[in-house]
């Protein structure tokens, strides 16, 4: 069964850090670029970071220098280390393939940045 399961979200104060994880199953994880997306209330889902099968990374300007995406192909997990969090980072975070047909979206993980 093709599946994505996100975890690691929570409530954090501005300036804090979180590490998100996305466990993939049911397809050949290692050959696909993966990305982290987020969707804030009332807004469209946006891609914030992606990583190729070879490990090259790209970031949205809004998170560049604060977020780091990485992957473990053996474990079929993609991570998002988020530092210096801001209130505008509050959203539900999802992972999925990028630059190809997405697979069914997981439930996401809520990140709330608030004092």
PDB file of N, CA and C in Angstrom:
ATOM      1  N   UNK A   1       0.845  -1.190   0.000  1.00  0.00           N
ATOM      2  CA  UNK A   1       0.000   0.000   0.000  1.00  0.00           C
ATOM      3  C   UNK A   1       0.882   1.241   0.000  1.00  0.00           C
ATOM      4  N   UNK A   2       0.628   2.130  -0.968  1.00  0.00           N
ATOM      5  CA  UNK A   2       1.375   3.384  -1.042  1.00  0.00           C
ATOM      6  C   UNK A   2       0.901   4.310   0.073  1.00  0.00           C
ATOM      7  N   UNK A   3       1.834   4.784   0.878  1.00  0.00           N
ATOM      8  CA  UNK A   3       1.434   5.555   2.049  1.00  0.00           C
ATOM      9  C   UNK A   3       2.523   6.527   2.469  1.00  0.00           C
ATOM     10  N   UNK A   4       2.111   7.676   2.967  1.00  0.00           N
ATOM     11  CA  UNK A   4       2.999   8.670   3.568  1.00  0.00           C
ATOM     12  C   UNK A   4       2.467   8.997   4.956  1.00  0.00           C
ATOM     13  N   UNK A   5       3.328   8.965   5.949  1.00  0.00           N
ATOM     14  CA  UNK A   5       2.918   9.265   7.319  1.00  0.00           C
ATOM     15  C   UNK A   5       3.853  10.320   7.888  1.00  0.00           C
ATOM     16  N   UNK A   6       3.298  11.497   8.151  1.00  0.00           N
ATOM     17  CA  UNK A   6       4.075  12.607   8.694  1.00  0.00           C
ATOM     18  C   UNK A   6       3.960  12.625  10.221  1.00  0.00           C
ATOM     19  N   UNK A   7       5.019  13.078  10.880  1.00  0.00           N
ATOM     20  CA  UNK A   7       5.008  13.183  12.336  1.00  0.00           C
ATOM     21  C   UNK A   7       6.012  14.236  12.776  1.00  0.00           C
ATOM     22  N   UNK A   8       5.931  14.608  14.053  1.00  0.00           N
ATOM     23  CA  UNK A   8       6.917  15.510  14.619  1.00  0.00           C
ATOM     24  C   UNK A   8       6.443  16.931  14.859  1.00  0.00           C
ATOM     25  N   UNK A   9       5.231  17.237  14.451  1.00  0.00           N
ATOM     26  CA  UNK A   9       4.725  18.585  14.657  1.00  0.00           C
ATOM     27  C   UNK A   9       4.384  18.844  16.118  1.00  0.00           C
ATOM     28  N   UNK A  10       3.978  20.075  16.389  1.00  0.00           N
ATOM     29  CA  UNK A  10       3.606  20.434  17.743  1.00  0.00           C
ATOM     30  C   UNK A  10       3.532  21.928  17.920  1.00  0.00           C
ATOM     31  N   UNK A  11       3.423  22.336  19.179  1.00  0.00           N
ATOM     32  CA  UNK A  11       3.381  23.742  19.544  1.00  0.00           C
ATOM     33  C   UNK A  11       4.772  24.175  19.993  1.00  0.00           C
ATOM     34  N   UNK A  12       5.271  25.247  19.418  1.00  0.00           N
ATOM     35  CA  UNK A  12       6.600  25.729  19.751  1.00  0.00           C
ATOM     36  C   UNK A  12       6.578  27.250  19.801  1.00  0.00           C
ATOM     37  N   UNK A  13       7.421  27.810  20.640  1.00  0.00           N
ATOM     38  CA  UNK A  13       7.512  29.260  20.737  1.00  0.00           C
ATOM     39  C   UNK A  13       8.307  29.837  19.566  1.00  0.00           C
ATOM     40  N   UNK A  14       8.061  31.089  19.230  1.00  0.00           N
ATOM     41  CA  UNK A  14       8.879  31.724  18.182  1.00  0.00           C
ATOM     42  C   UNK A  14      10.361  31.615  18.526  1.00  0.00           C
ATOM     43  N   UNK A  15      11.145  31.285  17.509  1.00  0.00           N
ATOM     44  CA  UNK A  15      12.570  31.074  17.709  1.00  0.00           C
ATOM     45  C   UNK A  15      12.946  29.639  18.001  1.00  0.00           C
ATOM     46  N   UNK A  16      11.951  28.814  18.240  1.00  0.00           N
ATOM     47  CA  UNK A  16      12.202  27.416  18.567  1.00  0.00           C
ATOM     48  C   UNK A  16      12.451  26.550  17.351  1.00  0.00           C
ATOM     49  N   UNK A  17      12.599  25.253  17.619  1.00  0.00           N
ATOM     50  CA  UNK A  17      12.910  24.289  16.561  1.00  0.00           C
ATOM     51  C   UNK A  17      12.010  23.068  16.649  1.00  0.00           C
ATOM     52  N   UNK A  18      11.813  22.453  15.496  1.00  0.00           N
ATOM     53  CA  UNK A  18      11.113  21.176  15.403  1.00  0.00           C
ATOM     54  C   UNK A  18      11.764  20.362  14.296  1.00  0.00           C
ATOM     55  N   UNK A  19      11.656  19.046  14.409  1.00  0.00           N
ATOM     56  CA  UNK A  19      12.107  18.156  13.344  1.00  0.00           C
ATOM     57  C   UNK A  19      10.943  17.280  12.912  1.00  0.00           C
ATOM     58  N   UNK A  20      10.557  17.437  11.666  1.00  0.00           N
ATOM     59  CA  UNK A  20       9.473  16.635  11.106  1.00  0.00           C
ATOM     60  C   UNK A  20      10.043  15.407  10.405  1.00  0.00           C
ATOM     61  N   UNK A  21       9.254  14.340  10.424  1.00  0.00           N
ATOM     62  CA  UNK A  21       9.623  13.112   9.720  1.00  0.00           C
ATOM     63  C   UNK A  21       8.470  12.678   8.826  1.00  0.00           C
ATOM     64  N   UNK A  22       8.819  12.062   7.715  1.00  0.00           N
ATOM     65  CA  UNK A  22       7.819  11.518   6.808  1.00  0.00           C
ATOM     66  C   UNK A  22       8.271  10.123   6.403  1.00  0.00           C
ATOM     67  N   UNK A  23       7.494   9.135   6.796  1.00  0.00           N
ATOM     68  CA  UNK A  23       7.807   7.751   6.461  1.00  0.00           C
ATOM     69  C   UNK A  23       7.001   7.330   5.243  1.00  0.00           C
ATOM     70  N   UNK A  24       7.693   6.837   4.234  1.00  0.00           N
ATOM     71  CA  UNK A  24       7.053   6.418   2.985  1.00  0.00           C
ATOM     72  C   UNK A  24       7.049   4.902   2.885  1.00  0.00           C
ATOM     73  N   UNK A  25       6.048   4.373   2.220  1.00  0.00           N
ATOM     74  CA  UNK A  25       5.984   2.935   1.998  1.00  0.00           C
ATOM     75  C   UNK A  25       5.194   2.646   0.727  1.00  0.00           C
ATOM     76  N   UNK A  26       5.437   1.479   0.161  1.00  0.00           N
ATOM     77  CA  UNK A  26       4.642   1.022  -0.965  1.00  0.00           C
ATOM     78  C   UNK A  26       5.144   1.416  -2.340  1.00  0.00           C
ATOM     79  N   UNK A  27       6.306   2.094  -2.420  1.00  0.00           N
ATOM     80  CA  UNK A  27       6.871   2.434  -3.721  1.00  0.00           C
ATOM     81  C   UNK A  27       8.381   2.565  -3.567  1.00  0.00           C
ATOM     82  N   UNK A  28       9.064   2.700  -4.705  1.00  0.00           N
ATOM     83  CA  UNK A  28      10.529   2.766  -4.669  1.00  0.00           C
ATOM     84  C   UNK A  28      10.950   4.173  -4.282  1.00  0.00           C
ATOM     85  N   UNK A  29      11.098   4.396  -2.999  1.00  0.00           N
ATOM     86  CA  UNK A  29      11.344   5.727  -2.434  1.00  0.00           C
ATOM     87  C   UNK A  29      12.600   6.376  -3.000  1.00  0.00           C
ATOM     88  N   UNK A  30      13.656   5.619  -3.132  1.00  0.00           N
ATOM     89  CA  UNK A  30      14.979   6.195  -3.398  1.00  0.00           C
ATOM     90  C   UNK A  30      15.105   6.878  -4.756  1.00  0.00           C
ATOM     91  N   UNK A  31      14.264   6.556  -5.714  1.00  0.00           N
ATOM     92  CA  UNK A  31      14.444   7.110  -7.050  1.00  0.00           C
ATOM     93  C   UNK A  31      13.672   8.409  -7.274  1.00  0.00           C
ATOM     94  N   UNK A  32      12.861   8.803  -6.289  1.00  0.00           N
ATOM     95  CA  UNK A  32      12.026   9.988  -6.456  1.00  0.00           C
ATOM     96  C   UNK A  32      12.510  11.165  -5.612  1.00  0.00           C
ATOM     97  N   UNK A  33      12.434  12.364  -6.213  1.00  0.00           N
ATOM     98  CA  UNK A  33      12.606  13.568  -5.415  1.00  0.00           C
ATOM     99  C   UNK A  33      11.419  13.695  -4.473  1.00  0.00           C
ATOM    100  N   UNK A  34      11.701  14.203  -3.281  1.00  0.00           N
ATOM    101  CA  UNK A  34      10.658  14.368  -2.272  1.00  0.00           C
ATOM    102  C   UNK A  34      10.611  15.813  -1.803  1.00  0.00           C
ATOM    103  N   UNK A  35       9.462  16.213  -1.330  1.00  0.00           N
ATOM    104  CA  UNK A  35       9.322  17.583  -0.861  1.00  0.00           C
ATOM    105  C   UNK A  35       8.463  17.683   0.379  1.00  0.00           C
ATOM    106  N   UNK A  36       8.679  18.781   1.091  1.00  0.00           N
ATOM    107  CA  UNK A  36       7.797  19.142   2.198  1.00  0.00           C
ATOM    108  C   UNK A  36       6.946  20.321   1.750  1.00  0.00           C
ATOM    109  N   UNK A  37       5.661  20.183   1.973  1.00  0.00           N
ATOM    110  CA  UNK A  37       4.698  21.208   1.644  1.00  0.00           C
ATOM    111  C   UNK A  37       4.043  21.681   2.947  1.00  0.00           C
ATOM    112  N   UNK A  38       3.410  22.841   2.880  1.00  0.00           N
ATOM    113  CA  UNK A  38       2.627  23.272   4.019  1.00  0.00           C
ATOM    114  C   UNK A  38       1.382  24.012   3.545  1.00  0.00           C
ATOM    115  N   UNK A  39       0.362  23.964   4.384  1.00  0.00           N
ATOM    116  CA  UNK A  39      -0.883  24.661   4.077  1.00  0.00           C
ATOM    117  C   UNK A  39      -1.386  25.340   5.333  1.00  0.00           C
ATOM    118  N   UNK A  40      -1.428  26.660   5.267  1.00  0.00           N
ATOM    119  CA  UNK A  40      -1.968  27.453   6.363  1.00  0.00           C
ATOM    120  C   UNK A  40      -3.457  27.678   6.116  1.00  0.00           C
ATOM    121  N   UNK A  41      -4.213  27.960   7.164  1.00  0.00           N
ATOM    122  CA  UNK A  41      -5.660  28.160   7.002  1.00  0.00           C
ATOM    123  C   UNK A  41      -5.971  29.230   5.965  1.00  0.00           C
ATOM    124  N   UNK A  42      -6.848  28.891   5.041  1.00  0.00           N
ATOM    125  CA  UNK A  42      -7.271  29.843   4.033  1.00  0.00           C
ATOM    126  C   UNK A  42      -6.309  30.042   2.886  1.00  0.00           C
ATOM    127  N   UNK A  43      -5.197  29.331   2.892  1.00  0.00           N
ATOM    128  CA  UNK A  43      -4.187  29.487   1.847  1.00  0.00           C
ATOM    129  C   UNK A  43      -3.989  28.178   1.092  1.00  0.00           C
ATOM    130  N   UNK A  44      -3.397  28.280  -0.100  1.00  0.00           N
ATOM    131  CA  UNK A  44      -3.102  27.081  -0.872  1.00  0.00           C
ATOM    132  C   UNK A  44      -1.875  26.374  -0.324  1.00  0.00           C
ATOM    133  N   UNK A  45      -1.814  25.091  -0.596  1.00  0.00           N
ATOM    134  CA  UNK A  45      -0.640  24.331  -0.209  1.00  0.00           C
ATOM    135  C   UNK A  45       0.560  24.826  -1.001  1.00  0.00           C
ATOM    136  N   UNK A  46       1.701  24.983  -0.324  1.00  0.00           N
ATOM    137  CA  UNK A  46       2.907  25.469  -0.983  1.00  0.00           C
ATOM    138  C   UNK A  46       4.075  24.538  -0.682  1.00  0.00           C
ATOM    139  N   UNK A  47       4.970  24.441  -1.642  1.00  0.00           N
ATOM    140  CA  UNK A  47       6.183  23.653  -1.482  1.00  0.00           C
ATOM    141  C   UNK A  47       7.229  24.501  -0.775  1.00  0.00           C
ATOM    142  N   UNK A  48       7.774  24.017   0.326  1.00  0.00           N
ATOM    143  CA  UNK A  48       8.768  24.807   1.064  1.00  0.00           C
ATOM    144  C   UNK A  48      10.186  24.266   0.901  1.00  0.00           C
ATOM    145  N   UNK A  49      10.333  22.986   0.630  1.00  0.00           N
ATOM    146  CA  UNK A  49      11.667  22.419   0.457  1.00  0.00           C
ATOM    147  C   UNK A  49      11.560  21.113  -0.310  1.00  0.00           C
ATOM    148  N   UNK A  50      12.565  20.828  -1.135  1.00  0.00           N
ATOM    149  CA  UNK A  50      12.587  19.543  -1.805  1.00  0.00           C
ATOM    150  C   UNK A  50      14.008  19.013  -1.907  1.00  0.00           C
ATOM    151  N   UNK A  51      14.102  17.713  -2.100  1.00  0.00           N
ATOM    152  CA  UNK A  51      15.405  17.044  -2.172  1.00  0.00           C
ATOM    153  C   UNK A  51      15.340  15.982  -3.263  1.00  0.00           C
ATOM    154  N   UNK A  52      16.346  15.983  -4.127  1.00  0.00           N
ATOM    155  CA  UNK A  52      16.383  15.011  -5.213  1.00  0.00           C
ATOM    156  C   UNK A  52      16.817  13.650  -4.691  1.00  0.00           C
ATOM    157  N   UNK A  53      16.744  12.656  -5.568  1.00  0.00           N
ATOM    158  CA  UNK A  53      17.188  11.330  -5.176  1.00  0.00           C
ATOM    159  C   UNK A  53      18.668  11.335  -4.825  1.00  0.00           C
ATOM    160  N   UNK A  54      19.418  12.251  -5.413  1.00  0.00           N
ATOM    161  CA  UNK A  54      20.850  12.327  -5.139  1.00  0.00           C
ATOM    162  C   UNK A  54      21.221  13.228  -3.982  1.00  0.00           C
ATOM    163  N   UNK A  55      20.225  13.906  -3.410  1.00  0.00           N
ATOM    164  CA  UNK A  55      20.494  14.720  -2.234  1.00  0.00           C
ATOM    165  C   UNK A  55      20.606  16.220  -2.470  1.00  0.00           C
ATOM    166  N   UNK A  56      20.402  16.681  -3.690  1.00  0.00           N
ATOM    167  CA  UNK A  56      20.406  18.130  -3.931  1.00  0.00           C
ATOM    168  C   UNK A  56      19.125  18.732  -3.382  1.00  0.00           C
ATOM    169  N   UNK A  57      19.247  19.931  -2.822  1.00  0.00           N
ATOM    170  CA  UNK A  57      18.109  20.534  -2.131  1.00  0.00           C
ATOM    171  C   UNK A  57      17.736  21.892  -2.710  1.00  0.00           C
ATOM    172  N   UNK A  58      16.466  22.248  -2.521  1.00  0.00           N
ATOM    173  CA  UNK A  58      15.955  23.566  -2.891  1.00  0.00           C
ATOM    174  C   UNK A  58      15.003  24.030  -1.798  1.00  0.00           C
ATOM    175  N   UNK A  59      14.962  25.346  -1.602  1.00  0.00           N
ATOM    176  CA  UNK A  59      14.118  25.897  -0.542  1.00  0.00           C
ATOM    177  C   UNK A  59      13.346  27.112  -1.049  1.00  0.00           C
ATOM    178  N   UNK A  60      12.155  27.278  -0.518  1.00  0.00           N
ATOM    179  CA  UNK A  60      11.426  28.514  -0.746  1.00  0.00           C
ATOM    180  C   UNK A  60      12.155  29.641  -0.035  1.00  0.00           C
ATOM    181  N   UNK A  61      12.063  30.836  -0.598  1.00  0.00           N
ATOM    182  CA  UNK A  61      12.769  31.975   0.005  1.00  0.00           C
ATOM    183  C   UNK A  61      12.348  32.204   1.451  1.00  0.00           C
ATOM    184  N   UNK A  62      11.104  31.901   1.756  1.00  0.00           N
ATOM    185  CA  UNK A  62      10.585  32.171   3.092  1.00  0.00           C
ATOM    186  C   UNK A  62      11.228  31.301   4.177  1.00  0.00           C
ATOM    187  N   UNK A  63      11.840  30.186   3.789  1.00  0.00           N
ATOM    188  CA  UNK A  63      12.420  29.276   4.797  1.00  0.00           C
ATOM    189  C   UNK A  63      13.926  29.093   4.610  1.00  0.00           C
ATOM    190  N   UNK A  64      14.469  29.665   3.562  1.00  0.00           N
ATOM    191  CA  UNK A  64      15.893  29.476   3.268  1.00  0.00           C
ATOM    192  C   UNK A  64      16.744  29.961   4.430  1.00  0.00           C
ATOM    193  N   UNK A  65      17.695  29.134   4.831  1.00  0.00           N
ATOM    194  CA  UNK A  65      18.570  29.485   5.939  1.00  0.00           C
ATOM    195  C   UNK A  65      18.033  29.058   7.300  1.00  0.00           C
ATOM    196  N   UNK A  66      16.768  28.663   7.347  1.00  0.00           N
ATOM    197  CA  UNK A  66      16.167  28.238   8.616  1.00  0.00           C
ATOM    198  C   UNK A  66      15.760  26.774   8.603  1.00  0.00           C
ATOM    199  N   UNK A  67      15.355  26.266   7.456  1.00  0.00           N
ATOM    200  CA  UNK A  67      14.899  24.874   7.329  1.00  0.00           C
ATOM    201  C   UNK A  67      15.952  24.063   6.574  1.00  0.00           C
ATOM    202  N   UNK A  68      16.041  22.789   6.935  1.00  0.00           N
ATOM    203  CA  UNK A  68      16.938  21.866   6.243  1.00  0.00           C
ATOM    204  C   UNK A  68      16.204  20.562   5.969  1.00  0.00           C
ATOM    205  N   UNK A  69      16.172  20.178   4.695  1.00  0.00           N
ATOM    206  CA  UNK A  69      15.549  18.915   4.308  1.00  0.00           C
ATOM    207  C   UNK A  69      16.640  17.869   4.114  1.00  0.00           C
ATOM    208  N   UNK A  70      16.332  16.649   4.517  1.00  0.00           N
ATOM    209  CA  UNK A  70      17.279  15.545   4.332  1.00  0.00           C
ATOM    210  C   UNK A  70      16.478  14.254   4.148  1.00  0.00           C
ATOM    211  N   UNK A  71      17.180  13.205   3.742  1.00  0.00           N
ATOM    212  CA  UNK A  71      16.480  11.940   3.517  1.00  0.00           C
ATOM    213  C   UNK A  71      17.372  10.770   3.885  1.00  0.00           C
ATOM    214  N   UNK A  72      16.735   9.691   4.262  1.00  0.00           N
ATOM    215  CA  UNK A  72      17.410   8.423   4.538  1.00  0.00           C
ATOM    216  C   UNK A  72      16.753   7.387   3.641  1.00  0.00           C
ATOM    217  N   UNK A  73      17.393   7.066   2.537  1.00  0.00           N
ATOM    218  CA  UNK A  73      16.781   6.159   1.568  1.00  0.00           C
ATOM    219  C   UNK A  73      16.632   4.740   2.118  1.00  0.00           C
ATOM    220  N   UNK A  74      17.533   4.336   2.968  1.00  0.00           N
ATOM    221  CA  UNK A  74      17.442   2.983   3.541  1.00  0.00           C
ATOM    222  C   UNK A  74      16.202   2.841   4.418  1.00  0.00           C
ATOM    223  N   UNK A  75      15.888   3.898   5.149  1.00  0.00           N
ATOM    224  CA  UNK A  75      14.718   3.872   6.034  1.00  0.00           C
ATOM    225  C   UNK A  75      13.454   4.402   5.362  1.00  0.00           C
ATOM    226  N   UNK A  76      13.597   4.955   4.169  1.00  0.00           N
ATOM    227  CA  UNK A  76      12.476   5.546   3.441  1.00  0.00           C
ATOM    228  C   UNK A  76      11.838   6.681   4.241  1.00  0.00           C
ATOM    229  N   UNK A  77      12.664   7.557   4.750  1.00  0.00           N
ATOM    230  CA  UNK A  77      12.196   8.683   5.547  1.00  0.00           C
ATOM    231  C   UNK A  77      12.796   9.969   4.992  1.00  0.00           C
ATOM    232  N   UNK A  78      11.985  11.003   4.955  1.00  0.00           N
ATOM    233  CA  UNK A  78      12.477  12.344   4.633  1.00  0.00           C
ATOM    234  C   UNK A  78      12.208  13.220   5.850  1.00  0.00           C
ATOM    235  N   UNK A  79      13.183  14.067   6.181  1.00  0.00           N
ATOM    236  CA  UNK A  79      13.121  14.903   7.369  1.00  0.00           C
ATOM    237  C   UNK A  79      13.051  16.379   6.987  1.00  0.00           C
ATOM    238  N   UNK A  80      12.524  17.166   7.910  1.00  0.00           N
ATOM    239  CA  UNK A  80      12.586  18.617   7.775  1.00  0.00           C
ATOM    240  C   UNK A  80      12.961  19.191   9.130  1.00  0.00           C
ATOM    241  N   UNK A  81      14.187  19.676   9.241  1.00  0.00           N
ATOM    242  CA  UNK A  81      14.638  20.358  10.444  1.00  0.00           C
ATOM    243  C   UNK A  81      14.269  21.823  10.313  1.00  0.00           C
ATOM    244  N   UNK A  82      13.498  22.307  11.260  1.00  0.00           N
ATOM    245  CA  UNK A  82      13.012  23.683  11.212  1.00  0.00           C
ATOM    246  C   UNK A  82      13.563  24.444  12.416  1.00  0.00           C
ATOM    247  N   UNK A  83      14.349  25.456  12.157  1.00  0.00           N
ATOM    248  CA  UNK A  83      14.932  26.288  13.206  1.00  0.00           C
ATOM    249  C   UNK A  83      14.431  27.723  13.073  1.00  0.00           C
ATOM    250  N   UNK A  84      14.622  28.500  14.133  1.00  0.00           N
ATOM    251  CA  UNK A  84      14.222  29.921  14.120  1.00  0.00           C
ATOM    252  C   UNK A  84      12.787  30.076  13.627  1.00  0.00           C
ATOM    253  N   UNK A  85      11.908  29.285  14.182  1.00  0.00           N
ATOM    254  CA  UNK A  85      10.524  29.280  13.717  1.00  0.00           C
ATOM    255  C   UNK A  85       9.834  30.602  13.990  1.00  0.00           C
ATOM    256  N   UNK A  86       8.951  30.965  13.059  1.00  0.00           N
ATOM    257  CA  UNK A  86       8.194  32.205  13.141  1.00  0.00           C
ATOM    258  C   UNK A  86       6.694  31.874  13.152  1.00  0.00           C
ATOM    259  N   UNK A  87       5.906  32.834  13.578  1.00  0.00           N
ATOM    260  CA  UNK A  87       4.457  32.606  13.618  1.00  0.00           C
ATOM    261  C   UNK A  87       3.905  32.278  12.237  1.00  0.00           C
ATOM    262  N   UNK A  88       4.516  32.858  11.213  1.00  0.00           N
ATOM    263  CA  UNK A  88       4.034  32.598   9.849  1.00  0.00           C
ATOM    264  C   UNK A  88       4.377  31.200   9.342  1.00  0.00           C
ATOM    265  N   UNK A  89       5.134  30.446  10.106  1.00  0.00           N
ATOM    266  CA  UNK A  89       5.391  29.046   9.745  1.00  0.00           C
ATOM    267  C   UNK A  89       4.261  28.129  10.214  1.00  0.00           C
ATOM    268  N   UNK A  90       3.315  28.678  10.946  1.00  0.00           N
ATOM    269  CA  UNK A  90       2.192  27.877  11.419  1.00  0.00           C
ATOM    270  C   UNK A  90       1.396  27.336  10.241  1.00  0.00           C
ATOM    271  N   UNK A  91       1.229  26.016  10.199  1.00  0.00           N
ATOM    272  CA  UNK A  91       0.551  25.359   9.075  1.00  0.00           C
ATOM    273  C   UNK A  91       0.497  23.860   9.349  1.00  0.00           C
ATOM    274  N   UNK A  92      -0.238  23.166   8.504  1.00  0.00           N
ATOM    275  CA  UNK A  92      -0.143  21.705   8.454  1.00  0.00           C
ATOM    276  C   UNK A  92       0.919  21.365   7.416  1.00  0.00           C
ATOM    277  N   UNK A  93       1.861  20.538   7.802  1.00  0.00           N
ATOM    278  CA  UNK A  93       2.975  20.171   6.931  1.00  0.00           C
ATOM    279  C   UNK A  93       2.767  18.761   6.383  1.00  0.00           C
ATOM    280  N   UNK A  94       3.005  18.631   5.079  1.00  0.00           N
ATOM    281  CA  UNK A  94       2.842  17.370   4.368  1.00  0.00           C
ATOM    282  C   UNK A  94       4.112  17.070   3.572  1.00  0.00           C
ATOM    283  N   UNK A  95       4.315  15.813   3.286  1.00  0.00           N
ATOM    284  CA  UNK A  95       5.373  15.445   2.356  1.00  0.00           C
ATOM    285  C   UNK A  95       4.751  14.746   1.152  1.00  0.00           C
ATOM    286  N   UNK A  96       5.459  14.756   0.045  1.00  0.00           N
ATOM    287  CA  UNK A  96       5.028  14.033  -1.142  1.00  0.00           C
ATOM    288  C   UNK A  96       6.151  14.085  -2.161  1.00  0.00           C
ATOM    289  N   UNK A  97       5.966  13.331  -3.216  1.00  0.00           N
ATOM    290  CA  UNK A  97       6.915  13.396  -4.315  1.00  0.00           C
ATOM    291  C   UNK A  97       6.793  14.761  -4.977  1.00  0.00           C
ATOM    292  N   UNK A  98       7.838  15.164  -5.670  1.00  0.00           N
ATOM    293  CA  UNK A  98       7.816  16.430  -6.407  1.00  0.00           C
ATOM    294  C   UNK A  98       8.200  16.166  -7.862  1.00  0.00           C
ATOM    295  N   UNK A  99       7.737  17.057  -8.724  1.00  0.00           N
ATOM    296  CA  UNK A  99       8.049  17.017 -10.161  1.00  0.00           C
ATOM    297  C   UNK A  99       7.613  15.707 -10.805  1.00  0.00           C
ATOM    298  N   UNK A 100       6.582  15.077 -10.241  1.00  0.00           N
ATOM    299  CA  UNK A 100       5.978  13.884 -10.806  1.00  0.00           C
ATOM    300  C   UNK A 100       4.591  13.745 -10.220  1.00  0.00           C
ATOM    301  N   UNK A 101       3.873  12.751 -10.661  1.00  0.00           N
ATOM    302  CA  UNK A 101       2.526  12.550 -10.133  1.00  0.00           C
ATOM    303  C   UNK A 101       2.596  12.288  -8.635  1.00  0.00           C
ATOM    304  N   UNK A 102       1.895  13.093  -7.825  1.00  0.00           N
ATOM    305  CA  UNK A 102       1.925  12.849  -6.383  1.00  0.00           C
ATOM    306  C   UNK A 102       1.194  11.558  -6.037  1.00  0.00           C
ATOM    307  N   UNK A 103       1.552  10.981  -4.931  1.00  0.00           N
ATOM    308  CA  UNK A 103       0.825   9.829  -4.410  1.00  0.00           C
ATOM    309  C   UNK A 103      -0.177  10.342  -3.381  1.00  0.00           C
ATOM    310  N   UNK A 104      -1.114   9.527  -2.925  1.00  0.00           N
ATOM    311  CA  UNK A 104      -2.137  10.022  -2.000  1.00  0.00           C
ATOM    312  C   UNK A 104      -1.515  10.749  -0.804  1.00  0.00           C
ATOM    313  N   UNK A 105      -2.070  11.909  -0.497  1.00  0.00           N
ATOM    314  CA  UNK A 105      -1.534  12.726   0.585  1.00  0.00           C
ATOM    315  C   UNK A 105      -1.803  12.070   1.940  1.00  0.00           C
ATOM    316  N   UNK A 106      -0.850  12.213   2.836  1.00  0.00           N
ATOM    317  CA  UNK A 106      -1.046  11.769   4.203  1.00  0.00           C
ATOM    318  C   UNK A 106      -1.889  12.773   4.965  1.00  0.00           C
ATOM    319  N   UNK A 107      -2.017  12.545   6.253  1.00  0.00           N
ATOM    320  CA  UNK A 107      -2.839  13.445   7.069  1.00  0.00           C
ATOM    321  C   UNK A 107      -2.090  14.701   7.474  1.00  0.00           C
ATOM    322  N   UNK A 108      -0.800  14.711   7.302  1.00  0.00           N
ATOM    323  CA  UNK A 108      -0.006  15.877   7.664  1.00  0.00           C
ATOM    324  C   UNK A 108       0.264  15.933   9.158  1.00  0.00           C
ATOM    325  N   UNK A 109       1.084  16.920   9.530  1.00  0.00           N
ATOM    326  CA  UNK A 109       1.394  17.140  10.935  1.00  0.00           C
ATOM    327  C   UNK A 109       1.311  18.640  11.214  1.00  0.00           C
ATOM    328  N   UNK A 110       0.586  18.993  12.260  1.00  0.00           N
ATOM    329  CA  UNK A 110       0.337  20.409  12.571  1.00  0.00           C
ATOM    330  C   UNK A 110       1.536  21.019  13.275  1.00  0.00           C
ATOM    331  N   UNK A 111       1.957  22.163  12.767  1.00  0.00           N
ATOM    332  CA  UNK A 111       2.993  22.964  13.408  1.00  0.00           C
ATOM    333  C   UNK A 111       2.366  24.299  13.796  1.00  0.00           C
ATOM    334  N   UNK A 112       2.441  24.614  15.076  1.00  0.00           N
ATOM    335  CA  UNK A 112       1.903  25.876  15.563  1.00  0.00           C
ATOM    336  C   UNK A 112       3.013  26.630  16.277  1.00  0.00           C
ATOM    337  N   UNK A 113       3.289  27.831  15.797  1.00  0.00           N
ATOM    338  CA  UNK A 113       4.329  28.670  16.395  1.00  0.00           C
ATOM    339  C   UNK A 113       3.641  29.837  17.091  1.00  0.00           C
ATOM    340  N   UNK A 114       3.711  29.813  18.403  1.00  0.00           N
ATOM    341  CA  UNK A 114       2.995  30.817  19.181  1.00  0.00           C
ATOM    342  C   UNK A 114       3.604  30.934  20.565  1.00  0.00           C
ATOM    343  N   UNK A 115       3.552  32.143  21.096  1.00  0.00           N
ATOM    344  CA  UNK A 115       4.027  32.345  22.470  1.00  0.00           C
ATOM    345  C   UNK A 115       2.873  32.212  23.448  1.00  0.00           C
TER     346      UNK A 115
END
